[in-house]
N, C-alpha and C. Protein backbone atom coordinates (compact mmCIF):
# COMPACT_ATOMS: atom_id res chain seq x y z
N MET A 1 56.97 47.07 19.60
CA MET A 1 57.02 48.15 18.65
C MET A 1 57.46 49.41 19.39
N ALA A 2 58.35 50.14 18.78
CA ALA A 2 58.89 51.34 19.41
C ALA A 2 57.81 52.39 19.59
N GLU A 3 57.83 53.04 20.73
CA GLU A 3 56.88 54.09 21.01
C GLU A 3 57.20 55.30 20.15
N LYS A 4 56.17 55.94 19.60
CA LYS A 4 56.33 57.14 18.78
C LYS A 4 57.37 56.94 17.68
N SER A 5 57.22 55.88 16.93
CA SER A 5 58.20 55.52 15.91
C SER A 5 58.21 56.47 14.72
N GLY A 6 57.12 57.13 14.44
CA GLY A 6 57.03 57.97 13.26
C GLY A 6 56.67 57.19 12.01
N ALA A 7 56.58 55.89 12.11
CA ALA A 7 56.21 55.06 10.97
C ALA A 7 54.75 55.32 10.60
N ARG A 8 54.46 55.22 9.31
CA ARG A 8 53.08 55.37 8.84
C ARG A 8 52.49 54.04 8.42
N MET A 9 53.35 53.05 8.16
CA MET A 9 52.87 51.75 7.71
C MET A 9 53.85 50.66 8.11
N VAL A 10 53.31 49.52 8.46
CA VAL A 10 54.08 48.29 8.63
C VAL A 10 53.53 47.32 7.60
N ALA A 11 54.41 46.76 6.78
CA ALA A 11 54.01 45.77 5.78
C ALA A 11 54.83 44.51 6.01
N MET A 12 54.15 43.39 6.13
CA MET A 12 54.82 42.11 6.34
C MET A 12 54.38 41.15 5.24
N SER A 13 55.31 40.33 4.79
CA SER A 13 55.02 39.36 3.75
C SER A 13 55.42 37.97 4.21
N ALA A 14 54.65 36.98 3.82
CA ALA A 14 54.96 35.59 4.14
C ALA A 14 54.87 34.77 2.86
N SER A 15 55.85 33.93 2.64
CA SER A 15 55.88 33.10 1.44
C SER A 15 54.93 31.91 1.58
N PRO A 16 54.66 31.20 0.49
CA PRO A 16 53.81 30.01 0.57
C PRO A 16 54.34 28.97 1.56
N ALA A 17 55.65 28.98 1.82
CA ALA A 17 56.22 28.04 2.79
C ALA A 17 55.80 28.38 4.21
N SER A 18 55.29 29.58 4.43
CA SER A 18 54.81 30.00 5.75
C SER A 18 53.38 29.51 5.92
N SER A 19 53.25 28.24 6.26
CA SER A 19 51.94 27.60 6.27
C SER A 19 51.35 27.43 7.67
N ASP A 20 52.05 27.90 8.70
CA ASP A 20 51.54 27.77 10.07
C ASP A 20 50.57 28.92 10.35
N ALA A 21 49.29 28.68 10.08
CA ALA A 21 48.27 29.72 10.22
C ALA A 21 48.17 30.24 11.64
N ASN A 22 48.34 29.37 12.63
CA ASN A 22 48.25 29.81 14.02
C ASN A 22 49.38 30.78 14.36
N LEU A 23 50.59 30.48 13.91
CA LEU A 23 51.73 31.36 14.16
C LEU A 23 51.53 32.70 13.47
N LEU A 24 51.14 32.68 12.21
CA LEU A 24 50.94 33.94 11.49
C LEU A 24 49.78 34.74 12.07
N ARG A 25 48.75 34.08 12.55
CA ARG A 25 47.64 34.78 13.20
C ARG A 25 48.13 35.48 14.47
N ARG A 26 48.97 34.80 15.26
CA ARG A 26 49.51 35.41 16.49
C ARG A 26 50.40 36.60 16.15
N ILE A 27 51.24 36.45 15.14
CA ILE A 27 52.11 37.56 14.73
C ILE A 27 51.26 38.74 14.27
N ALA A 28 50.28 38.48 13.43
CA ALA A 28 49.41 39.55 12.93
C ALA A 28 48.67 40.23 14.08
N SER A 29 48.25 39.46 15.05
CA SER A 29 47.53 40.02 16.20
C SER A 29 48.44 40.90 17.05
N GLN A 30 49.64 40.42 17.33
CA GLN A 30 50.57 41.20 18.16
C GLN A 30 51.03 42.47 17.46
N VAL A 31 51.43 42.34 16.21
CA VAL A 31 51.87 43.52 15.45
C VAL A 31 50.69 44.45 15.22
N GLY A 32 49.52 43.88 14.95
CA GLY A 32 48.32 44.69 14.75
C GLY A 32 47.97 45.51 15.98
N ALA A 33 48.12 44.93 17.16
CA ALA A 33 47.83 45.67 18.40
C ALA A 33 48.77 46.87 18.53
N GLY A 34 50.04 46.68 18.23
CA GLY A 34 50.99 47.78 18.29
C GLY A 34 50.69 48.85 17.25
N CYS A 35 50.32 48.42 16.04
CA CYS A 35 49.97 49.37 14.98
C CYS A 35 48.72 50.15 15.35
N ARG A 36 47.73 49.45 15.88
CA ARG A 36 46.48 50.12 16.27
C ARG A 36 46.77 51.18 17.33
N ALA A 37 47.59 50.83 18.31
CA ALA A 37 47.90 51.75 19.41
C ALA A 37 48.58 53.02 18.91
N GLN A 38 49.31 52.91 17.81
CA GLN A 38 50.04 54.07 17.28
C GLN A 38 49.42 54.63 16.01
N ASP A 39 48.24 54.13 15.65
CA ASP A 39 47.54 54.58 14.45
C ASP A 39 48.41 54.42 13.20
N ILE A 40 49.00 53.23 13.06
CA ILE A 40 49.86 52.90 11.92
C ILE A 40 49.14 51.88 11.05
N ASP A 41 49.19 52.07 9.76
CA ASP A 41 48.60 51.16 8.78
C ASP A 41 49.35 49.83 8.83
N LEU A 42 48.64 48.71 8.76
CA LEU A 42 49.25 47.38 8.71
C LEU A 42 48.77 46.66 7.46
N VAL A 43 49.73 46.12 6.72
CA VAL A 43 49.41 45.35 5.52
C VAL A 43 50.11 43.99 5.62
N LEU A 44 49.33 42.93 5.43
CA LEU A 44 49.86 41.56 5.41
C LEU A 44 49.81 41.08 3.97
N GLY A 45 50.94 40.65 3.45
CA GLY A 45 50.99 40.26 2.06
C GLY A 45 51.66 38.92 1.83
N GLY A 46 51.71 38.52 0.59
CA GLY A 46 52.32 37.26 0.22
C GLY A 46 51.31 36.13 0.23
N GLU A 47 51.80 34.94 -0.07
CA GLU A 47 50.92 33.77 -0.16
C GLU A 47 50.96 32.90 1.10
N GLY A 48 51.53 33.43 2.17
CA GLY A 48 51.54 32.70 3.44
C GLY A 48 50.14 32.60 4.03
N ALA A 49 50.02 31.87 5.11
CA ALA A 49 48.73 31.57 5.73
C ALA A 49 48.27 32.66 6.70
N TRP A 50 48.39 33.94 6.29
CA TRP A 50 47.87 35.03 7.11
C TRP A 50 46.37 34.87 7.28
N PRO A 51 45.80 35.42 8.35
CA PRO A 51 44.34 35.39 8.46
C PRO A 51 43.71 36.21 7.33
N GLU A 52 42.64 35.73 6.75
CA GLU A 52 41.96 36.44 5.66
C GLU A 52 41.42 37.79 6.13
N THR A 53 40.94 37.82 7.36
CA THR A 53 40.41 39.05 7.94
C THR A 53 41.14 39.30 9.25
N PRO A 54 42.29 39.98 9.21
CA PRO A 54 43.04 40.21 10.44
C PRO A 54 42.25 41.12 11.39
N SER A 55 42.57 41.05 12.68
CA SER A 55 41.87 41.88 13.67
C SER A 55 42.14 43.35 13.43
N TYR A 56 43.25 43.68 12.76
CA TYR A 56 43.58 45.05 12.40
C TYR A 56 44.40 44.99 11.13
N GLY A 57 44.16 45.90 10.24
CA GLY A 57 44.94 45.96 9.02
C GLY A 57 44.26 45.26 7.85
N LEU A 58 45.04 45.08 6.81
CA LEU A 58 44.53 44.51 5.57
C LEU A 58 45.34 43.30 5.14
N ARG A 59 44.68 42.37 4.49
CA ARG A 59 45.31 41.21 3.88
C ARG A 59 45.27 41.42 2.38
N LEU A 60 46.44 41.58 1.76
CA LEU A 60 46.51 41.77 0.31
C LEU A 60 47.32 40.64 -0.30
N ARG A 61 46.96 40.21 -1.50
CA ARG A 61 47.60 39.05 -2.10
C ARG A 61 48.47 39.34 -3.31
N SER A 62 48.54 40.59 -3.74
CA SER A 62 49.34 40.88 -4.93
C SER A 62 49.98 42.25 -4.83
N PHE A 63 51.03 42.44 -5.64
CA PHE A 63 51.66 43.75 -5.70
C PHE A 63 50.69 44.77 -6.28
N GLY A 64 49.84 44.32 -7.20
CA GLY A 64 48.84 45.22 -7.76
C GLY A 64 47.90 45.75 -6.69
N ALA A 65 47.43 44.86 -5.83
CA ALA A 65 46.54 45.27 -4.74
C ALA A 65 47.28 46.20 -3.77
N PHE A 66 48.56 45.91 -3.51
CA PHE A 66 49.36 46.75 -2.63
C PHE A 66 49.54 48.14 -3.26
N HIS A 67 49.84 48.19 -4.54
CA HIS A 67 49.99 49.46 -5.24
C HIS A 67 48.69 50.26 -5.18
N GLU A 68 47.57 49.59 -5.41
CA GLU A 68 46.27 50.26 -5.34
C GLU A 68 46.03 50.81 -3.94
N HIS A 69 46.37 50.04 -2.94
CA HIS A 69 46.21 50.48 -1.55
C HIS A 69 47.05 51.74 -1.30
N LEU A 70 48.28 51.74 -1.78
CA LEU A 70 49.16 52.89 -1.58
C LEU A 70 48.68 54.12 -2.35
N SER A 71 47.97 53.90 -3.44
CA SER A 71 47.49 54.99 -4.28
C SER A 71 46.26 55.67 -3.72
N GLN A 72 45.58 55.03 -2.78
CA GLN A 72 44.37 55.60 -2.19
C GLN A 72 44.73 56.76 -1.28
N ASP A 73 43.78 57.62 -1.07
CA ASP A 73 43.92 58.69 -0.10
C ASP A 73 44.27 58.09 1.26
N GLU A 74 45.22 58.70 1.97
CA GLU A 74 45.67 58.14 3.25
C GLU A 74 44.52 57.94 4.22
N HIS A 75 43.61 58.88 4.31
CA HIS A 75 42.49 58.73 5.25
C HIS A 75 41.61 57.55 4.86
N ALA A 76 41.39 57.36 3.59
CA ALA A 76 40.50 56.30 3.10
C ALA A 76 41.09 54.92 3.35
N ARG A 77 42.41 54.81 3.45
CA ARG A 77 42.99 53.48 3.60
C ARG A 77 43.25 53.09 5.04
N ARG A 78 42.91 53.93 6.00
CA ARG A 78 43.13 53.59 7.40
C ARG A 78 42.38 52.32 7.75
N PRO A 79 43.05 51.33 8.35
CA PRO A 79 42.35 50.11 8.77
C PRO A 79 41.32 50.42 9.85
N VAL A 80 40.25 49.70 9.81
CA VAL A 80 39.20 49.87 10.81
C VAL A 80 39.33 48.73 11.81
N ALA A 81 39.35 49.08 13.09
CA ALA A 81 39.41 48.06 14.13
C ALA A 81 38.13 47.24 14.09
N ARG A 82 38.24 45.95 14.20
CA ARG A 82 37.07 45.08 14.20
C ARG A 82 36.37 45.13 15.56
N ALA A 83 35.12 44.78 15.59
CA ALA A 83 34.35 44.77 16.82
C ALA A 83 35.01 43.85 17.85
N GLY A 84 35.05 44.31 19.08
CA GLY A 84 35.65 43.51 20.15
C GLY A 84 37.14 43.66 20.27
N GLU A 85 37.73 44.48 19.44
CA GLU A 85 39.19 44.67 19.47
C GLU A 85 39.52 45.96 20.16
């Protein structure tokens, strides 16, 4: 991830065909670490096999949930780092 990117959010989506949970967990972990380091919101979406509780960021399953997330106050939607991360 680029240093000082200016990004406020990274959103990734995986289709139902993305069924390799181990691969998606590694991707979420690596991207999540970069987002955490830069205080960037991370959202994992779609019906792929993302981890239900990523180490950083949120797992959302619908456009409605994504819209609701975007509608929240920016401070309130900041992902919380999990213990041990």
